Amino acid sequence: MLEKILNLQGAETLVVSEQKNIKGGSIPPDGQCNEFVVFRATEAQCLAYPYNLRPAYIGPNQCSILMAPC
């Protein structure tokens, strides 16, 4: 399967140091309706959340968003 992925146009192999710097992302933890939730994310990841969630980067790898209304 790896060979098939590497054969895709634009695919490239990452060196070990690049692989170690990759941090996976996920949906922020569940929160109550209209509650601010703080979770770990880079500034770029944080500010990529939709404007209606009011994303705010609040420090080193800390992001705050407003959970959706009920």
PDB file of N, CA and C in Angstrom:
ATOM      1  N   MET A   1       0.822  -1.196   0.000  1.00  0.00           N
ATOM      2  CA  MET A   1       0.000   0.000   0.000  1.00  0.00           C
ATOM      3  C   MET A   1       0.864   1.256   0.000  1.00  0.00           C
ATOM      4  N   LEU A   2       1.975   1.237   0.732  1.00  0.00           N
ATOM      5  CA  LEU A   2       2.865   2.394   0.761  1.00  0.00           C
ATOM      6  C   LEU A   2       3.339   2.752  -0.636  1.00  0.00           C
ATOM      7  N   GLU A   3       3.678   1.732  -1.443  1.00  0.00           N
ATOM      8  CA  GLU A   3       4.129   1.988  -2.808  1.00  0.00           C
ATOM      9  C   GLU A   3       3.041   2.696  -3.617  1.00  0.00           C
ATOM     10  N   LYS A   4       1.779   2.292  -3.428  1.00  0.00           N
ATOM     11  CA  LYS A   4       0.683   2.932  -4.149  1.00  0.00           C
ATOM     12  C   LYS A   4       0.551   4.394  -3.746  1.00  0.00           C
ATOM     13  N   ILE A   5       0.719   4.668  -2.462  1.00  0.00           N
ATOM     14  CA  ILE A   5       0.619   6.048  -1.980  1.00  0.00           C
ATOM     15  C   ILE A   5       1.766   6.879  -2.528  1.00  0.00           C
ATOM     16  N   LEU A   6       2.983   6.337  -2.487  1.00  0.00           N
ATOM     17  CA  LEU A   6       4.143   7.074  -2.978  1.00  0.00           C
ATOM     18  C   LEU A   6       4.098   7.302  -4.480  1.00  0.00           C
ATOM     19  N   ASN A   7       3.343   6.485  -5.205  1.00  0.00           N
ATOM     20  CA  ASN A   7       3.225   6.656  -6.651  1.00  0.00           C
ATOM     21  C   ASN A   7       2.226   7.743  -7.028  1.00  0.00           C
ATOM     22  N   LEU A   8       1.501   8.289  -6.066  1.00  0.00           N
ATOM     23  CA  LEU A   8       0.553   9.362  -6.356  1.00  0.00           C
ATOM     24  C   LEU A   8       1.308  10.611  -6.775  1.00  0.00           C
ATOM     25  N   GLN A   9       0.732  11.360  -7.680  1.00  0.00           N
ATOM     26  CA  GLN A   9       1.374  12.574  -8.156  1.00  0.00           C
ATOM     27  C   GLN A   9       1.537  13.575  -7.007  1.00  0.00           C
ATOM     28  N   GLY A  10       2.735  14.071  -6.799  1.00  0.00           N
ATOM     29  CA  GLY A  10       3.014  15.053  -5.757  1.00  0.00           C
ATOM     30  C   GLY A  10       3.390  14.453  -4.413  1.00  0.00           C
ATOM     31  N   ALA A  11       3.307  13.126  -4.267  1.00  0.00           N
ATOM     32  CA  ALA A  11       3.656  12.485  -2.999  1.00  0.00           C
ATOM     33  C   ALA A  11       5.167  12.457  -2.840  1.00  0.00           C
ATOM     34  N   GLU A  12       5.637  12.632  -1.612  1.00  0.00           N
ATOM     35  CA  GLU A  12       7.062  12.554  -1.344  1.00  0.00           C
ATOM     36  C   GLU A  12       7.289  11.894   0.007  1.00  0.00           C
ATOM     37  N   THR A  13       8.441  11.273   0.166  1.00  0.00           N
ATOM     38  CA  THR A  13       8.794  10.601   1.412  1.00  0.00           C
ATOM     39  C   THR A  13       9.381  11.610   2.382  1.00  0.00           C
ATOM     40  N   LEU A  14       8.952  11.569   3.644  1.00  0.00           N
ATOM     41  CA  LEU A  14       9.502  12.451   4.662  1.00  0.00           C
ATOM     42  C   LEU A  14      10.674  11.771   5.349  1.00  0.00           C
ATOM     43  N   VAL A  15      11.698  12.568   5.678  1.00  0.00           N
ATOM     44  CA  VAL A  15      12.820  12.014   6.440  1.00  0.00           C
ATOM     45  C   VAL A  15      12.367  11.826   7.880  1.00  0.00           C
ATOM     46  N   VAL A  16      13.118  11.049   8.643  1.00  0.00           N
ATOM     47  CA  VAL A  16      12.725  10.696  10.007  1.00  0.00           C
ATOM     48  C   VAL A  16      12.483  11.942  10.861  1.00  0.00           C
ATOM     49  N   SER A  17      13.343  12.957  10.754  1.00  0.00           N
ATOM     50  CA  SER A  17      13.166  14.164  11.573  1.00  0.00           C
ATOM     51  C   SER A  17      11.858  14.884  11.240  1.00  0.00           C
ATOM     52  N   GLU A  18      11.459  14.872   9.964  1.00  0.00           N
ATOM     53  CA  GLU A  18      10.183  15.474   9.581  1.00  0.00           C
ATOM     54  C   GLU A  18       9.014  14.659  10.125  1.00  0.00           C
ATOM     55  N   GLN A  19       9.143  13.337  10.106  1.00  0.00           N
ATOM     56  CA  GLN A  19       8.082  12.477  10.607  1.00  0.00           C
ATOM     57  C   GLN A  19       7.864  12.693  12.099  1.00  0.00           C
ATOM     58  N   LYS A  20       8.949  12.909  12.848  1.00  0.00           N
ATOM     59  CA  LYS A  20       8.844  13.102  14.293  1.00  0.00           C
ATOM     60  C   LYS A  20       8.171  14.417  14.652  1.00  0.00           C
ATOM     61  N   ASN A  21       8.209  15.408  13.763  1.00  0.00           N
ATOM     62  CA  ASN A  21       7.611  16.710  14.041  1.00  0.00           C
ATOM     63  C   ASN A  21       6.132  16.793  13.692  1.00  0.00           C
ATOM     64  N   ILE A  22       5.574  15.730  13.121  1.00  0.00           N
ATOM     65  CA  ILE A  22       4.154  15.737  12.761  1.00  0.00           C
ATOM     66  C   ILE A  22       3.318  15.508  14.013  1.00  0.00           C
ATOM     67  N   LYS A  23       2.350  16.381  14.214  1.00  0.00           N
ATOM     68  CA  LYS A  23       1.445  16.254  15.353  1.00  0.00           C
ATOM     69  C   LYS A  23       0.042  16.062  14.793  1.00  0.00           C
ATOM     70  N   GLY A  24      -0.595  14.996  15.192  1.00  0.00           N
ATOM     71  CA  GLY A  24      -1.938  14.717  14.707  1.00  0.00           C
ATOM     72  C   GLY A  24      -2.958  15.680  15.294  1.00  0.00           C
ATOM     73  N   GLY A  25      -4.002  15.889  14.586  1.00  0.00           N
ATOM     74  CA  GLY A  25      -5.052  16.762  15.066  1.00  0.00           C
ATOM     75  C   GLY A  25      -6.335  15.995  15.286  1.00  0.00           C
ATOM     76  N   SER A  26      -7.222  16.576  16.014  1.00  0.00           N
ATOM     77  CA  SER A  26      -8.514  15.945  16.234  1.00  0.00           C
ATOM     78  C   SER A  26      -9.519  17.030  16.564  1.00  0.00           C
ATOM     79  N   ILE A  27     -10.747  16.654  16.575  1.00  0.00           N
ATOM     80  CA  ILE A  27     -11.801  17.575  16.980  1.00  0.00           C
ATOM     81  C   ILE A  27     -11.597  17.881  18.458  1.00  0.00           C
ATOM     82  N   PRO A  28     -11.776  19.103  18.881  1.00  0.00           N
ATOM     83  CA  PRO A  28     -11.588  19.405  20.307  1.00  0.00           C
ATOM     84  C   PRO A  28     -12.523  18.589  21.184  1.00  0.00           C
ATOM     85  N   PRO A  29     -12.195  18.449  22.452  1.00  0.00           N
ATOM     86  CA  PRO A  29     -13.024  17.652  23.353  1.00  0.00           C
ATOM     87  C   PRO A  29     -14.448  18.182  23.444  1.00  0.00           C
ATOM     88  N   ASP A  30     -15.356  17.303  23.825  1.00  0.00           N
ATOM     89  CA  ASP A  30     -16.758  17.707  23.981  1.00  0.00           C
ATOM     90  C   ASP A  30     -16.886  18.734  25.091  1.00  0.00           C
ATOM     91  N   GLY A  31     -17.812  19.627  24.907  1.00  0.00           N
ATOM     92  CA  GLY A  31     -18.103  20.623  25.924  1.00  0.00           C
ATOM     93  C   GLY A  31     -19.598  20.859  25.985  1.00  0.00           C
ATOM     94  N   GLN A  32     -20.010  21.602  26.964  1.00  0.00           N
ATOM     95  CA  GLN A  32     -21.421  21.945  27.103  1.00  0.00           C
ATOM     96  C   GLN A  32     -21.792  22.990  26.056  1.00  0.00           C
ATOM     97  N   CYS A  33     -23.051  23.166  25.829  1.00  0.00           N
ATOM     98  CA  CYS A  33     -23.536  24.180  24.887  1.00  0.00           C
ATOM     99  C   CYS A  33     -23.064  25.557  25.328  1.00  0.00           C
ATOM    100  N   ASN A  34     -22.625  26.347  24.374  1.00  0.00           N
ATOM    101  CA  ASN A  34     -22.182  27.721  24.619  1.00  0.00           C
ATOM    102  C   ASN A  34     -21.078  27.812  25.670  1.00  0.00           C
ATOM    103  N   GLU A  35     -20.243  26.788  25.789  1.00  0.00           N
ATOM    104  CA  GLU A  35     -19.155  26.784  26.759  1.00  0.00           C
ATOM    105  C   GLU A  35     -17.831  26.924  26.006  1.00  0.00           C
ATOM    106  N   PHE A  36     -16.911  27.691  26.577  1.00  0.00           N
ATOM    107  CA  PHE A  36     -15.586  27.783  25.984  1.00  0.00           C
ATOM    108  C   PHE A  36     -14.786  26.545  26.359  1.00  0.00           C
ATOM    109  N   VAL A  37     -14.088  25.976  25.392  1.00  0.00           N
ATOM    110  CA  VAL A  37     -13.271  24.787  25.602  1.00  0.00           C
ATOM    111  C   VAL A  37     -11.831  25.145  25.248  1.00  0.00           C
ATOM    112  N   VAL A  38     -10.890  24.772  26.110  1.00  0.00           N
ATOM    113  CA  VAL A  38      -9.473  24.999  25.861  1.00  0.00           C
ATOM    114  C   VAL A  38      -8.827  23.650  25.564  1.00  0.00           C
ATOM    115  N   PHE A  39      -8.016  23.599  24.506  1.00  0.00           N
ATOM    116  CA  PHE A  39      -7.351  22.366  24.116  1.00  0.00           C
ATOM    117  C   PHE A  39      -6.022  22.701  23.452  1.00  0.00           C
ATOM    118  N   ARG A  40      -5.210  21.671  23.231  1.00  0.00           N
ATOM    119  CA  ARG A  40      -3.891  21.855  22.641  1.00  0.00           C
ATOM    120  C   ARG A  40      -3.996  21.936  21.125  1.00  0.00           C
ATOM    121  N   ALA A  41      -3.407  22.992  20.552  1.00  0.00           N
ATOM    122  CA  ALA A  41      -3.360  23.160  19.100  1.00  0.00           C
ATOM    123  C   ALA A  41      -2.341  24.247  18.788  1.00  0.00           C
ATOM    124  N   THR A  42      -1.748  24.169  17.612  1.00  0.00           N
ATOM    125  CA  THR A  42      -0.849  25.233  17.194  1.00  0.00           C
ATOM    126  C   THR A  42      -1.682  26.463  16.851  1.00  0.00           C
ATOM    127  N   GLU A  43      -1.020  27.581  16.686  1.00  0.00           N
ATOM    128  CA  GLU A  43      -1.738  28.809  16.348  1.00  0.00           C
ATOM    129  C   GLU A  43      -2.466  28.655  15.014  1.00  0.00           C
ATOM    130  N   ALA A  44      -1.795  28.057  14.034  1.00  0.00           N
ATOM    131  CA  ALA A  44      -2.416  27.873  12.717  1.00  0.00           C
ATOM    132  C   ALA A  44      -3.632  26.954  12.800  1.00  0.00           C
ATOM    133  N   GLN A  45      -3.525  25.856  13.559  1.00  0.00           N
ATOM    134  CA  GLN A  45      -4.659  24.940  13.708  1.00  0.00           C
ATOM    135  C   GLN A  45      -5.816  25.639  14.401  1.00  0.00           C
ATOM    136  N   CYS A  46      -5.495  26.395  15.425  1.00  0.00           N
ATOM    137  CA  CYS A  46      -6.529  27.083  16.202  1.00  0.00           C
ATOM    138  C   CYS A  46      -7.295  28.082  15.336  1.00  0.00           C
ATOM    139  N   LEU A  47      -6.539  28.930  14.643  1.00  0.00           N
ATOM    140  CA  LEU A  47      -7.184  29.989  13.872  1.00  0.00           C
ATOM    141  C   LEU A  47      -7.853  29.486  12.599  1.00  0.00           C
ATOM    142  N   ALA A  48      -7.694  28.193  12.290  1.00  0.00           N
ATOM    143  CA  ALA A  48      -8.363  27.609  11.130  1.00  0.00           C
ATOM    144  C   ALA A  48      -9.806  27.195  11.439  1.00  0.00           C
ATOM    145  N   TYR A  49     -10.182  27.217  12.715  1.00  0.00           N
ATOM    146  CA  TYR A  49     -11.566  26.880  13.074  1.00  0.00           C
ATOM    147  C   TYR A  49     -12.490  27.980  12.558  1.00  0.00           C
ATOM    148  N   PRO A  50     -13.726  27.654  12.241  1.00  0.00           N
ATOM    149  CA  PRO A  50     -14.667  28.648  11.716  1.00  0.00           C
ATOM    150  C   PRO A  50     -14.846  29.834  12.667  1.00  0.00           C
ATOM    151  N   TYR A  51     -15.070  30.994  12.079  1.00  0.00           N
ATOM    152  CA  TYR A  51     -15.205  32.235  12.839  1.00  0.00           C
ATOM    153  C   TYR A  51     -16.315  32.162  13.889  1.00  0.00           C
ATOM    154  N   ASN A  52     -17.411  31.453  13.580  1.00  0.00           N
ATOM    155  CA  ASN A  52     -18.539  31.390  14.517  1.00  0.00           C
ATOM    156  C   ASN A  52     -18.192  30.659  15.813  1.00  0.00           C
ATOM    157  N   LEU A  53     -17.082  29.896  15.835  1.00  0.00           N
ATOM    158  CA  LEU A  53     -16.650  29.224  17.063  1.00  0.00           C
ATOM    159  C   LEU A  53     -15.732  30.120  17.901  1.00  0.00           C
ATOM    160  N   ARG A  54     -15.470  31.311  17.411  1.00  0.00           N
ATOM    161  CA  ARG A  54     -14.619  32.295  18.085  1.00  0.00           C
ATOM    162  C   ARG A  54     -13.269  31.710  18.499  1.00  0.00           C
ATOM    163  N   PRO A  55     -12.495  31.193  17.564  1.00  0.00           N
ATOM    164  CA  PRO A  55     -11.198  30.629  17.936  1.00  0.00           C
ATOM    165  C   PRO A  55     -10.267  31.711  18.462  1.00  0.00           C
ATOM    166  N   ALA A  56      -9.560  31.395  19.527  1.00  0.00           N
ATOM    167  CA  ALA A  56      -8.602  32.337  20.116  1.00  0.00           C
ATOM    168  C   ALA A  56      -7.367  31.558  20.546  1.00  0.00           C
ATOM    169  N   TYR A  57      -6.216  31.945  19.997  1.00  0.00           N
ATOM    170  CA  TYR A  57      -4.952  31.330  20.406  1.00  0.00           C
ATOM    171  C   TYR A  57      -4.517  32.040  21.676  1.00  0.00           C
ATOM    172  N   ILE A  58      -4.413  31.297  22.785  1.00  0.00           N
ATOM    173  CA  ILE A  58      -4.188  31.937  24.082  1.00  0.00           C
ATOM    174  C   ILE A  58      -2.824  31.649  24.696  1.00  0.00           C
ATOM    175  N   GLY A  59      -1.944  31.056  23.950  1.00  0.00           N
ATOM    176  CA  GLY A  59      -0.610  30.826  24.498  1.00  0.00           C
ATOM    177  C   GLY A  59       0.064  29.660  23.820  1.00  0.00           C
ATOM    178  N   PRO A  60       1.164  29.203  24.398  1.00  0.00           N
ATOM    179  CA  PRO A  60       1.911  28.125  23.755  1.00  0.00           C
ATOM    180  C   PRO A  60       1.062  26.862  23.575  1.00  0.00           C
ATOM    181  N   ASN A  61       0.649  26.629  22.341  1.00  0.00           N
ATOM    182  CA  ASN A  61      -0.164  25.457  21.985  1.00  0.00           C
ATOM    183  C   ASN A  61      -1.460  25.363  22.773  1.00  0.00           C
ATOM    184  N   GLN A  62      -2.087  26.475  23.050  1.00  0.00           N
ATOM    185  CA  GLN A  62      -3.379  26.513  23.738  1.00  0.00           C
ATOM    186  C   GLN A  62      -4.377  27.268  22.866  1.00  0.00           C
ATOM    187  N   CYS A  63      -5.503  26.635  22.632  1.00  0.00           N
ATOM    188  CA  CYS A  63      -6.550  27.231  21.809  1.00  0.00           C
ATOM    189  C   CYS A  63      -7.869  27.201  22.569  1.00  0.00           C
ATOM    190  N   SER A  64      -8.671  28.210  22.374  1.00  0.00           N
ATOM    191  CA  SER A  64      -9.990  28.267  22.997  1.00  0.00           C
ATOM    192  C   SER A  64     -11.022  28.461  21.905  1.00  0.00           C
ATOM    193  N   ILE A  65     -12.105  27.686  21.965  1.00  0.00           N
ATOM    194  CA  ILE A  65     -13.225  27.897  21.049  1.00  0.00           C
ATOM    195  C   ILE A  65     -14.520  27.843  21.854  1.00  0.00           C
ATOM    196  N   LEU A  66     -15.560  28.417  21.272  1.00  0.00           N
ATOM    197  CA  LEU A  66     -16.892  28.406  21.868  1.00  0.00           C
ATOM    198  C   LEU A  66     -17.669  27.258  21.259  1.00  0.00           C
ATOM    199  N   MET A  67     -18.143  26.341  22.097  1.00  0.00           N
ATOM    200  CA  MET A  67     -18.917  25.209  21.590  1.00  0.00           C
ATOM    201  C   MET A  67     -20.225  25.714  20.979  1.00  0.00           C
ATOM    202  N   ALA A  68     -20.764  24.960  20.057  1.00  0.00           N
ATOM    203  CA  ALA A  68     -21.975  25.345  19.350  1.00  0.00           C
ATOM    204  C   ALA A  68     -23.163  25.440  20.315  1.00  0.00           C
ATOM    205  N   PRO A  69     -24.127  26.315  20.003  1.00  0.00           N
ATOM    206  CA  PRO A  69     -25.320  26.404  20.829  1.00  0.00           C
ATOM    207  C   PRO A  69     -26.165  25.146  20.705  1.00  0.00           C
ATOM    208  N   CYS A  70     -26.983  24.889  21.712  1.00  0.00           N
ATOM    209  CA  CYS A  70     -27.845  23.692  21.715  1.00  0.00           C
ATOM    210  C   CYS A  70     -29.107  23.940  20.923  1.00  0.00           C
TER     211      CYS A  70
END
